Amino acid sequence: MKYIKDKKITIMTMAANSGPEPGETSQPLKNGKNIWVYYRQASANEISMYSTTVYKVEVVFKIAWRNDIDTTMKVLFRGKEYAITRIDDFEGYKEDLTIYAYKTGR
């Protein structure tokens, strides 16, 4: 089933702070701005299925396949930040990547 990717997200990653203060800051992943995405709320079935494991899931993002995204990154969508909890690459077919995430306090 094909999904219409009609919204855009930015993938955020942590990088060393370049200023005088130590620490890390969140910045867009290289080539991670304005990625076309299919977005939906997680279904009740998905929420209950993943709640029995260590995953917290509220939303699902489907993007074109890429190999530079991991669960330490965040998704910026409509001004809200979502923590990535799980990534599904459809058994390695390299067509789409499904990102399961939940909204953070930011």
PDB file of N, CA and C in Angstrom:
ATOM      1  N   MET A   1       0.840  -1.177   0.000  1.00  0.00           N
ATOM      2  CA  MET A   1       0.000   0.000   0.000  1.00  0.00           C
ATOM      3  C   MET A   1       0.885   1.240   0.000  1.00  0.00           C
ATOM      4  N   LYS A   2       0.613   2.147  -0.904  1.00  0.00           N
ATOM      5  CA  LYS A   2       1.377   3.387  -0.986  1.00  0.00           C
ATOM      6  C   LYS A   2       0.704   4.446  -0.115  1.00  0.00           C
ATOM      7  N   TYR A   3       1.525   5.210   0.541  1.00  0.00           N
ATOM      8  CA  TYR A   3       1.046   6.280   1.395  1.00  0.00           C
ATOM      9  C   TYR A   3       1.428   7.606   0.765  1.00  0.00           C
ATOM     10  N   ILE A   4       0.575   8.609   0.882  1.00  0.00           N
ATOM     11  CA  ILE A   4       0.874   9.924   0.327  1.00  0.00           C
ATOM     12  C   ILE A   4       1.720  10.695   1.323  1.00  0.00           C
ATOM     13  N   LYS A   5       2.919  11.006   0.917  1.00  0.00           N
ATOM     14  CA  LYS A   5       3.836  11.779   1.760  1.00  0.00           C
ATOM     15  C   LYS A   5       3.607  13.253   1.442  1.00  0.00           C
ATOM     16  N   ASP A   6       2.705  13.879   2.195  1.00  0.00           N
ATOM     17  CA  ASP A   6       2.302  15.248   1.885  1.00  0.00           C
ATOM     18  C   ASP A   6       2.620  16.251   2.993  1.00  0.00           C
ATOM     19  N   LYS A   7       3.436  15.858   3.945  1.00  0.00           N
ATOM     20  CA  LYS A   7       3.853  16.753   5.022  1.00  0.00           C
ATOM     21  C   LYS A   7       5.369  16.720   5.101  1.00  0.00           C
ATOM     22  N   LYS A   8       5.944  17.645   5.862  1.00  0.00           N
ATOM     23  CA  LYS A   8       7.405  17.696   5.957  1.00  0.00           C
ATOM     24  C   LYS A   8       7.857  17.675   7.409  1.00  0.00           C
ATOM     25  N   ILE A   9       9.002  17.016   7.634  1.00  0.00           N
ATOM     26  CA  ILE A   9       9.613  16.955   8.957  1.00  0.00           C
ATOM     27  C   ILE A   9      11.088  17.317   8.839  1.00  0.00           C
ATOM     28  N   THR A  10      11.697  17.544   9.994  1.00  0.00           N
ATOM     29  CA  THR A  10      13.142  17.716  10.081  1.00  0.00           C
ATOM     30  C   THR A  10      13.647  16.716  11.108  1.00  0.00           C
ATOM     31  N   ILE A  11      14.700  15.986  10.764  1.00  0.00           N
ATOM     32  CA  ILE A  11      15.325  15.048  11.692  1.00  0.00           C
ATOM     33  C   ILE A  11      16.404  15.804  12.450  1.00  0.00           C
ATOM     34  N   MET A  12      16.313  15.774  13.779  1.00  0.00           N
ATOM     35  CA  MET A  12      17.252  16.499  14.634  1.00  0.00           C
ATOM     36  C   MET A  12      18.214  15.516  15.300  1.00  0.00           C
ATOM     37  N   THR A  13      19.468  15.943  15.420  1.00  0.00           N
ATOM     38  CA  THR A  13      20.491  15.138  16.071  1.00  0.00           C
ATOM     39  C   THR A  13      21.241  16.008  17.069  1.00  0.00           C
ATOM     40  N   MET A  14      21.907  15.391  18.013  1.00  0.00           N
ATOM     41  CA  MET A  14      22.679  16.136  19.004  1.00  0.00           C
ATOM     42  C   MET A  14      24.101  16.324  18.499  1.00  0.00           C
ATOM     43  N   ALA A  15      24.636  17.524  18.731  1.00  0.00           N
ATOM     44  CA  ALA A  15      26.012  17.827  18.325  1.00  0.00           C
ATOM     45  C   ALA A  15      26.673  18.624  19.436  1.00  0.00           C
ATOM     46  N   ALA A  16      27.989  18.555  19.495  1.00  0.00           N
ATOM     47  CA  ALA A  16      28.734  19.306  20.509  1.00  0.00           C
ATOM     48  C   ALA A  16      28.470  20.792  20.332  1.00  0.00           C
ATOM     49  N   ASN A  17      28.266  21.479  21.444  1.00  0.00           N
ATOM     50  CA  ASN A  17      28.019  22.914  21.432  1.00  0.00           C
ATOM     51  C   ASN A  17      29.283  23.634  20.970  1.00  0.00           C
ATOM     52  N   SER A  18      29.158  24.508  19.988  1.00  0.00           N
ATOM     53  CA  SER A  18      30.329  25.228  19.469  1.00  0.00           C
ATOM     54  C   SER A  18      30.592  26.516  20.237  1.00  0.00           C
ATOM     55  N   GLY A  19      29.715  26.873  21.155  1.00  0.00           N
ATOM     56  CA  GLY A  19      29.880  28.100  21.934  1.00  0.00           C
ATOM     57  C   GLY A  19      30.773  27.891  23.138  1.00  0.00           C
ATOM     58  N   PRO A  20      30.858  28.907  23.987  1.00  0.00           N
ATOM     59  CA  PRO A  20      31.732  28.822  25.157  1.00  0.00           C
ATOM     60  C   PRO A  20      31.229  27.869  26.241  1.00  0.00           C
ATOM     61  N   GLU A  21      29.931  27.553  26.219  1.00  0.00           N
ATOM     62  CA  GLU A  21      29.379  26.663  27.234  1.00  0.00           C
ATOM     63  C   GLU A  21      29.502  25.210  26.781  1.00  0.00           C
ATOM     64  N   PRO A  22      29.919  24.321  27.679  1.00  0.00           N
ATOM     65  CA  PRO A  22      30.022  22.911  27.307  1.00  0.00           C
ATOM     66  C   PRO A  22      28.639  22.282  27.159  1.00  0.00           C
ATOM     67  N   GLY A  23      28.600  21.171  26.487  1.00  0.00           N
ATOM     68  CA  GLY A  23      27.340  20.452  26.337  1.00  0.00           C
ATOM     69  C   GLY A  23      27.011  20.191  24.886  1.00  0.00           C
ATOM     70  N   GLU A  24      25.764  19.782  24.663  1.00  0.00           N
ATOM     71  CA  GLU A  24      25.311  19.464  23.319  1.00  0.00           C
ATOM     72  C   GLU A  24      24.085  20.288  22.968  1.00  0.00           C
ATOM     73  N   THR A  25      23.917  20.533  21.685  1.00  0.00           N
ATOM     74  CA  THR A  25      22.737  21.224  21.194  1.00  0.00           C
ATOM     75  C   THR A  25      22.094  20.377  20.108  1.00  0.00           C
ATOM     76  N   SER A  26      20.817  20.596  19.913  1.00  0.00           N
ATOM     77  CA  SER A  26      20.081  19.882  18.887  1.00  0.00           C
ATOM     78  C   SER A  26      20.190  20.652  17.579  1.00  0.00           C
ATOM     79  N   GLN A  27      20.503  19.950  16.498  1.00  0.00           N
ATOM     80  CA  GLN A  27      20.598  20.598  15.193  1.00  0.00           C
ATOM     81  C   GLN A  27      20.112  19.631  14.123  1.00  0.00           C
ATOM     82  N   PRO A  28      19.687  20.152  12.961  1.00  0.00           N
ATOM     83  CA  PRO A  28      19.209  19.258  11.900  1.00  0.00           C
ATOM     84  C   PRO A  28      20.300  18.310  11.413  1.00  0.00           C
ATOM     85  N   LEU A  29      19.911  17.089  11.151  1.00  0.00           N
ATOM     86  CA  LEU A  29      20.799  16.101  10.556  1.00  0.00           C
ATOM     87  C   LEU A  29      21.172  16.579   9.155  1.00  0.00           C
ATOM     88  N   LYS A  30      22.376  16.267   8.701  1.00  0.00           N
ATOM     89  CA  LYS A  30      22.779  16.651   7.350  1.00  0.00           C
ATOM     90  C   LYS A  30      21.773  16.058   6.358  1.00  0.00           C
ATOM     91  N   ASN A  31      21.245  16.891   5.487  1.00  0.00           N
ATOM     92  CA  ASN A  31      20.189  16.516   4.527  1.00  0.00           C
ATOM     93  C   ASN A  31      18.934  16.014   5.240  1.00  0.00           C
ATOM     94  N   GLY A  32      18.710  16.503   6.462  1.00  0.00           N
ATOM     95  CA  GLY A  32      17.560  16.058   7.238  1.00  0.00           C
ATOM     96  C   GLY A  32      16.453  17.088   7.362  1.00  0.00           C
ATOM     97  N   LYS A  33      16.548  18.196   6.617  1.00  0.00           N
ATOM     98  CA  LYS A  33      15.505  19.226   6.667  1.00  0.00           C
ATOM     99  C   LYS A  33      14.480  18.989   5.564  1.00  0.00           C
ATOM    100  N   ASN A  34      13.235  19.309   5.885  1.00  0.00           N
ATOM    101  CA  ASN A  34      12.141  19.261   4.907  1.00  0.00           C
ATOM    102  C   ASN A  34      12.030  17.920   4.184  1.00  0.00           C
ATOM    103  N   ILE A  35      11.978  16.856   4.960  1.00  0.00           N
ATOM    104  CA  ILE A  35      11.809  15.511   4.409  1.00  0.00           C
ATOM    105  C   ILE A  35      10.310  15.250   4.245  1.00  0.00           C
ATOM    106  N   TRP A  36       9.911  14.811   3.056  1.00  0.00           N
ATOM    107  CA  TRP A  36       8.509  14.485   2.819  1.00  0.00           C
ATOM    108  C   TRP A  36       8.132  13.266   3.655  1.00  0.00           C
ATOM    109  N   VAL A  37       6.937  13.326   4.256  1.00  0.00           N
ATOM    110  CA  VAL A  37       6.537  12.282   5.189  1.00  0.00           C
ATOM    111  C   VAL A  37       5.033  12.021   5.112  1.00  0.00           C
ATOM    112  N   TYR A  38       4.667  10.762   5.351  1.00  0.00           N
ATOM    113  CA  TYR A  38       3.284  10.399   5.625  1.00  0.00           C
ATOM    114  C   TYR A  38       3.190  10.342   7.140  1.00  0.00           C
ATOM    115  N   TYR A  39       2.192  11.029   7.717  1.00  0.00           N
ATOM    116  CA  TYR A  39       2.060  11.138   9.170  1.00  0.00           C
ATOM    117  C   TYR A  39       0.687  10.641   9.589  1.00  0.00           C
ATOM    118  N   ARG A  40       0.656   9.930  10.710  1.00  0.00           N
ATOM    119  CA  ARG A  40      -0.630   9.552  11.308  1.00  0.00           C
ATOM    120  C   ARG A  40      -0.436   9.281  12.791  1.00  0.00           C
ATOM    121  N   GLN A  41      -1.539   9.351  13.513  1.00  0.00           N
ATOM    122  CA  GLN A  41      -1.537   8.961  14.919  1.00  0.00           C
ATOM    123  C   GLN A  41      -1.427   7.439  14.973  1.00  0.00           C
ATOM    124  N   ALA A  42      -0.762   6.940  15.972  1.00  0.00           N
ATOM    125  CA  ALA A  42      -0.677   5.490  16.146  1.00  0.00           C
ATOM    126  C   ALA A  42      -2.066   4.946  16.469  1.00  0.00           C
ATOM    127  N   SER A  43      -2.367   3.776  15.952  1.00  0.00           N
ATOM    128  CA  SER A  43      -3.663   3.156  16.221  1.00  0.00           C
ATOM    129  C   SER A  43      -3.694   2.620  17.650  1.00  0.00           C
ATOM    130  N   ALA A  44      -4.888   2.380  18.146  1.00  0.00           N
ATOM    131  CA  ALA A  44      -5.029   1.820  19.496  1.00  0.00           C
ATOM    132  C   ALA A  44      -4.339   0.461  19.580  1.00  0.00           C
ATOM    133  N   ASN A  45      -4.404  -0.299  18.501  1.00  0.00           N
ATOM    134  CA  ASN A  45      -3.747  -1.605  18.461  1.00  0.00           C
ATOM    135  C   ASN A  45      -2.230  -1.453  18.576  1.00  0.00           C
ATOM    136  N   GLU A  46      -1.650  -0.491  17.850  1.00  0.00           N
ATOM    137  CA  GLU A  46      -0.202  -0.260  17.928  1.00  0.00           C
ATOM    138  C   GLU A  46       0.208   0.217  19.317  1.00  0.00           C
ATOM    139  N   ILE A  47      -0.584   1.122  19.881  1.00  0.00           N
ATOM    140  CA  ILE A  47      -0.265   1.645  21.212  1.00  0.00           C
ATOM    141  C   ILE A  47      -0.268   0.520  22.240  1.00  0.00           C
ATOM    142  N   SER A  48      -1.299  -0.327  22.211  1.00  0.00           N
ATOM    143  CA  SER A  48      -1.356  -1.420  23.191  1.00  0.00           C
ATOM    144  C   SER A  48      -0.280  -2.466  22.919  1.00  0.00           C
ATOM    145  N   MET A  49       0.027  -2.724  21.652  1.00  0.00           N
ATOM    146  CA  MET A  49       1.056  -3.712  21.317  1.00  0.00           C
ATOM    147  C   MET A  49       2.423  -3.262  21.821  1.00  0.00           C
ATOM    148  N   TYR A  50       2.766  -1.986  21.610  1.00  0.00           N
ATOM    149  CA  TYR A  50       4.079  -1.507  22.016  1.00  0.00           C
ATOM    150  C   TYR A  50       4.151  -1.155  23.497  1.00  0.00           C
ATOM    151  N   SER A  51       3.012  -0.962  24.153  1.00  0.00           N
ATOM    152  CA  SER A  51       3.050  -0.649  25.580  1.00  0.00           C
ATOM    153  C   SER A  51       3.470  -1.866  26.404  1.00  0.00           C
ATOM    154  N   THR A  52       3.344  -3.056  25.843  1.00  0.00           N
ATOM    155  CA  THR A  52       3.788  -4.257  26.551  1.00  0.00           C
ATOM    156  C   THR A  52       5.296  -4.435  26.454  1.00  0.00           C
ATOM    157  N   THR A  53       5.935  -3.666  25.593  1.00  0.00           N
ATOM    158  CA  THR A  53       7.395  -3.682  25.475  1.00  0.00           C
ATOM    159  C   THR A  53       7.921  -2.372  26.045  1.00  0.00           C
ATOM    160  N   VAL A  54       9.134  -2.030  25.718  1.00  0.00           N
ATOM    161  CA  VAL A  54       9.726  -0.805  26.257  1.00  0.00           C
ATOM    162  C   VAL A  54       9.476   0.409  25.366  1.00  0.00           C
ATOM    163  N   TYR A  55       8.678   0.268  24.311  1.00  0.00           N
ATOM    164  CA  TYR A  55       8.451   1.367  23.379  1.00  0.00           C
ATOM    165  C   TYR A  55       7.257   2.212  23.785  1.00  0.00           C
ATOM    166  N   LYS A  56       7.409   3.518  23.642  1.00  0.00           N
ATOM    167  CA  LYS A  56       6.292   4.437  23.819  1.00  0.00           C
ATOM    168  C   LYS A  56       5.980   4.984  22.433  1.00  0.00           C
ATOM    169  N   VAL A  57       4.749   4.794  21.975  1.00  0.00           N
ATOM    170  CA  VAL A  57       4.397   5.181  20.611  1.00  0.00           C
ATOM    171  C   VAL A  57       3.131   6.026  20.625  1.00  0.00           C
ATOM    172  N   GLU A  58       3.176   7.197  19.981  1.00  0.00           N
ATOM    173  CA  GLU A  58       2.003   8.045  19.802  1.00  0.00           C
ATOM    174  C   GLU A  58       1.725   8.327  18.335  1.00  0.00           C
ATOM    175  N   VAL A  59       2.795   8.457  17.547  1.00  0.00           N
ATOM    176  CA  VAL A  59       2.644   8.797  16.134  1.00  0.00           C
ATOM    177  C   VAL A  59       3.543   7.918  15.272  1.00  0.00           C
ATOM    178  N   VAL A  60       3.195   7.871  13.983  1.00  0.00           N
ATOM    179  CA  VAL A  60       3.962   7.103  13.007  1.00  0.00           C
ATOM    180  C   VAL A  60       4.305   8.024  11.845  1.00  0.00           C
ATOM    181  N   PHE A  61       5.580   8.043  11.472  1.00  0.00           N
ATOM    182  CA  PHE A  61       6.045   8.794  10.312  1.00  0.00           C
ATOM    183  C   PHE A  61       6.592   7.793   9.304  1.00  0.00           C
ATOM    184  N   LYS A  62       6.207   7.920   8.028  1.00  0.00           N
ATOM    185  CA  LYS A  62       6.788   7.094   6.964  1.00  0.00           C
ATOM    186  C   LYS A  62       7.532   8.022   6.020  1.00  0.00           C
ATOM    187  N   ILE A  63       8.821   7.741   5.822  1.00  0.00           N
ATOM    188  CA  ILE A  63       9.649   8.555   4.938  1.00  0.00           C
ATOM    189  C   ILE A  63      10.328   7.648   3.920  1.00  0.00           C
ATOM    190  N   ALA A  64      10.938   8.254   2.909  1.00  0.00           N
ATOM    191  CA  ALA A  64      11.736   7.479   1.962  1.00  0.00           C
ATOM    192  C   ALA A  64      12.901   6.860   2.725  1.00  0.00           C
ATOM    193  N   TRP A  65      13.296   5.675   2.330  1.00  0.00           N
ATOM    194  CA  TRP A  65      14.332   4.939   3.047  1.00  0.00           C
ATOM    195  C   TRP A  65      15.644   5.705   3.076  1.00  0.00           C
ATOM    196  N   ARG A  66      16.288   5.680   4.229  1.00  0.00           N
ATOM    197  CA  ARG A  66      17.644   6.216   4.389  1.00  0.00           C
ATOM    198  C   ARG A  66      18.302   5.478   5.538  1.00  0.00           C
ATOM    199  N   ASN A  67      19.634   5.470   5.565  1.00  0.00           N
ATOM    200  CA  ASN A  67      20.337   4.658   6.556  1.00  0.00           C
ATOM    201  C   ASN A  67      21.030   5.473   7.640  1.00  0.00           C
ATOM    202  N   ASP A  68      20.718   6.755   7.755  1.00  0.00           N
ATOM    203  CA  ASP A  68      21.429   7.598   8.719  1.00  0.00           C
ATOM    204  C   ASP A  68      20.570   8.056   9.888  1.00  0.00           C
ATOM    205  N   ILE A  69      19.483   7.362  10.162  1.00  0.00           N
ATOM    206  CA  ILE A  69      18.588   7.738  11.260  1.00  0.00           C
ATOM    207  C   ILE A  69      18.619   6.644  12.319  1.00  0.00           C
ATOM    208  N   ASP A  70      18.669   7.063  13.596  1.00  0.00           N
ATOM    209  CA  ASP A  70      18.641   6.090  14.690  1.00  0.00           C
ATOM    210  C   ASP A  70      17.760   6.610  15.821  1.00  0.00           C
ATOM    211  N   THR A  71      17.604   5.815  16.856  1.00  0.00           N
ATOM    212  CA  THR A  71      16.676   6.146  17.939  1.00  0.00           C
ATOM    213  C   THR A  71      17.201   7.197  18.914  1.00  0.00           C
ATOM    214  N   THR A  72      18.410   7.692  18.715  1.00  0.00           N
ATOM    215  CA  THR A  72      18.897   8.793  19.556  1.00  0.00           C
ATOM    216  C   THR A  72      18.453  10.141  19.001  1.00  0.00           C
ATOM    217  N   MET A  73      17.879  10.147  17.811  1.00  0.00           N
ATOM    218  CA  MET A  73      17.484  11.391  17.145  1.00  0.00           C
ATOM    219  C   MET A  73      16.039  11.743  17.459  1.00  0.00           C
ATOM    220  N   LYS A  74      15.652  12.938  17.051  1.00  0.00           N
ATOM    221  CA  LYS A  74      14.285  13.413  17.257  1.00  0.00           C
ATOM    222  C   LYS A  74      13.717  13.897  15.932  1.00  0.00           C
ATOM    223  N   VAL A  75      12.387  13.970  15.866  1.00  0.00           N
ATOM    224  CA  VAL A  75      11.688  14.471  14.692  1.00  0.00           C
ATOM    225  C   VAL A  75      11.047  15.797  15.070  1.00  0.00           C
ATOM    226  N   LEU A  76      11.236  16.806  14.247  1.00  0.00           N
ATOM    227  CA  LEU A  76      10.589  18.099  14.430  1.00  0.00           C
ATOM    228  C   LEU A  76       9.453  18.181  13.417  1.00  0.00           C
ATOM    229  N   PHE A  77       8.213  18.277  13.910  1.00  0.00           N
ATOM    230  CA  PHE A  77       7.033  18.291  13.050  1.00  0.00           C
ATOM    231  C   PHE A  77       6.047  19.314  13.583  1.00  0.00           C
ATOM    232  N   ARG A  78       5.697  20.284  12.743  1.00  0.00           N
ATOM    233  CA  ARG A  78       4.753  21.349  13.112  1.00  0.00           C
ATOM    234  C   ARG A  78       5.140  22.037  14.413  1.00  0.00           C
ATOM    235  N   GLY A  79       6.437  22.280  14.587  1.00  0.00           N
ATOM    236  CA  GLY A  79       6.930  22.996  15.757  1.00  0.00           C
ATOM    237  C   GLY A  79       7.028  22.164  17.027  1.00  0.00           C
ATOM    238  N   LYS A  80       6.682  20.889  16.952  1.00  0.00           N
ATOM    239  CA  LYS A  80       6.752  19.997  18.117  1.00  0.00           C
ATOM    240  C   LYS A  80       7.867  18.982  17.907  1.00  0.00           C
ATOM    241  N   GLU A  81       8.461  18.561  19.024  1.00  0.00           N
ATOM    242  CA  GLU A  81       9.557  17.602  18.965  1.00  0.00           C
ATOM    243  C   GLU A  81       9.058  16.221  19.378  1.00  0.00           C
ATOM    244  N   TYR A  82       9.440  15.210  18.606  1.00  0.00           N
ATOM    245  CA  TYR A  82       9.048  13.828  18.868  1.00  0.00           C
ATOM    246  C   TYR A  82      10.300  12.976  19.040  1.00  0.00           C
ATOM    247  N   ALA A  83      10.355  12.200  20.098  1.00  0.00           N
ATOM    248  CA  ALA A  83      11.477  11.288  20.336  1.00  0.00           C
ATOM    249  C   ALA A  83      11.218   9.994  19.565  1.00  0.00           C
ATOM    250  N   ILE A  84      12.228   9.523  18.861  1.00  0.00           N
ATOM    251  CA  ILE A  84      12.112   8.284  18.086  1.00  0.00           C
ATOM    252  C   ILE A  84      12.308   7.092  19.025  1.00  0.00           C
ATOM    253  N   THR A  85      11.335   6.167  19.018  1.00  0.00           N
ATOM    254  CA  THR A  85      11.447   4.988  19.875  1.00  0.00           C
ATOM    255  C   THR A  85      11.762   3.721  19.092  1.00  0.00           C
ATOM    256  N   ARG A  86      11.377   3.698  17.828  1.00  0.00           N
ATOM    257  CA  ARG A  86      11.576   2.481  17.027  1.00  0.00           C
ATOM    258  C   ARG A  86      11.618   2.851  15.558  1.00  0.00           C
ATOM    259  N   ILE A  87      12.426   2.116  14.796  1.00  0.00           N
ATOM    260  CA  ILE A  87      12.522   2.328  13.355  1.00  0.00           C
ATOM    261  C   ILE A  87      12.330   0.981  12.674  1.00  0.00           C
ATOM    262  N   ASP A  88      11.432   0.934  11.694  1.00  0.00           N
ATOM    263  CA  ASP A  88      11.150  -0.297  10.958  1.00  0.00           C
ATOM    264  C   ASP A  88      11.526  -0.071   9.496  1.00  0.00           C
ATOM    265  N   ASP A  89      12.420  -0.903   8.971  1.00  0.00           N
ATOM    266  CA  ASP A  89      12.865  -0.723   7.584  1.00  0.00           C
ATOM    267  C   ASP A  89      12.224  -1.725   6.621  1.00  0.00           C
ATOM    268  N   PHE A  90      11.087  -2.282   6.976  1.00  0.00           N
ATOM    269  CA  PHE A  90      10.346  -3.209   6.117  1.00  0.00           C
ATOM    270  C   PHE A  90      11.225  -4.336   5.591  1.00  0.00           C
ATOM    271  N   GLU A  91      11.873  -5.029   6.497  1.00  0.00           N
ATOM    272  CA  GLU A  91      12.677  -6.204   6.176  1.00  0.00           C
ATOM    273  C   GLU A  91      13.793  -5.907   5.188  1.00  0.00           C
ATOM    274  N   GLY A  92      14.295  -4.693   5.201  1.00  0.00           N
ATOM    275  CA  GLY A  92      15.453  -4.341   4.392  1.00  0.00           C
ATOM    276  C   GLY A  92      15.181  -4.094   2.921  1.00  0.00           C
ATOM    277  N   TYR A  93      13.924  -3.858   2.535  1.00  0.00           N
ATOM    278  CA  TYR A  93      13.623  -3.629   1.120  1.00  0.00           C
ATOM    279  C   TYR A  93      14.055  -2.252   0.625  1.00  0.00           C
ATOM    280  N   LYS A  94      14.391  -1.353   1.521  1.00  0.00           N
ATOM    281  CA  LYS A  94      14.923  -0.030   1.193  1.00  0.00           C
ATOM    282  C   LYS A  94      13.978   0.808   0.334  1.00  0.00           C
ATOM    283  N   GLU A  95      12.684   0.751   0.641  1.00  0.00           N
ATOM    284  CA  GLU A  95      11.718   1.618  -0.022  1.00  0.00           C
ATOM    285  C   GLU A  95      11.267   2.711   0.933  1.00  0.00           C
ATOM    286  N   ASP A  96      10.686   2.306   2.038  1.00  0.00           N
ATOM    287  CA  ASP A  96      10.212   3.248   3.047  1.00  0.00           C
ATOM    288  C   ASP A  96      10.825   2.906   4.391  1.00  0.00           C
ATOM    289  N   LEU A  97      10.814   3.893   5.262  1.00  0.00           N
ATOM    290  CA  LEU A  97      11.284   3.730   6.631  1.00  0.00           C
ATOM    291  C   LEU A  97      10.147   4.205   7.526  1.00  0.00           C
ATOM    292  N   THR A  98       9.725   3.396   8.464  1.00  0.00           N
ATOM    293  CA  THR A  98       8.668   3.787   9.390  1.00  0.00           C
ATOM    294  C   THR A  98       9.305   4.149  10.716  1.00  0.00           C
ATOM    295  N   ILE A  99       8.974   5.352  11.188  1.00  0.00           N
ATOM    296  CA  ILE A  99       9.518   5.856  12.447  1.00  0.00           C
ATOM    297  C   ILE A  99       8.374   5.935  13.453  1.00  0.00           C
ATOM    298  N   TYR A 100       8.523   5.259  14.571  1.00  0.00           N
ATOM    299  CA  TYR A 100       7.550   5.319  15.660  1.00  0.00           C
ATOM    300  C   TYR A 100       8.097   6.294  16.693  1.00  0.00           C
ATOM    301  N   ALA A 101       7.246   7.208  17.161  1.00  0.00           N
ATOM    302  CA  ALA A 101       7.742   8.261  18.048  1.00  0.00           C
ATOM    303  C   ALA A 101       6.651   8.729  19.003  1.00  0.00           C
ATOM    304  N   TYR A 102       7.076   9.528  19.981  1.00  0.00           N
ATOM    305  CA  TYR A 102       6.134  10.160  20.905  1.00  0.00           C
ATOM    306  C   TYR A 102       6.552  11.604  21.124  1.00  0.00           C
ATOM    307  N   LYS A 103       5.553  12.437  21.452  1.00  0.00           N
ATOM    308  CA  LYS A 103       5.801  13.862  21.635  1.00  0.00           C
ATOM    309  C   LYS A 103       6.522  14.109  22.953  1.00  0.00           C
ATOM    310  N   THR A 104       7.594  14.907  22.887  1.00  0.00           N
ATOM    311  CA  THR A 104       8.317  15.286  24.096  1.00  0.00           C
ATOM    312  C   THR A 104       7.702  16.573  24.635  1.00  0.00           C
ATOM    313  N   GLY A 105       8.231  17.073  25.709  1.00  0.00           N
ATOM    314  CA  GLY A 105       7.694  18.288  26.315  1.00  0.00           C
ATOM    315  C   GLY A 105       8.049  19.568  25.582  1.00  0.00           C
ATOM    316  N   ARG A 106       8.772  19.471  24.484  1.00  0.00           N
ATOM    317  CA  ARG A 106       9.216  20.680  23.773  1.00  0.00           C
ATOM    318  C   ARG A 106       8.362  20.991  22.593  1.00  0.00           C
TER     319      ARG A 106
END
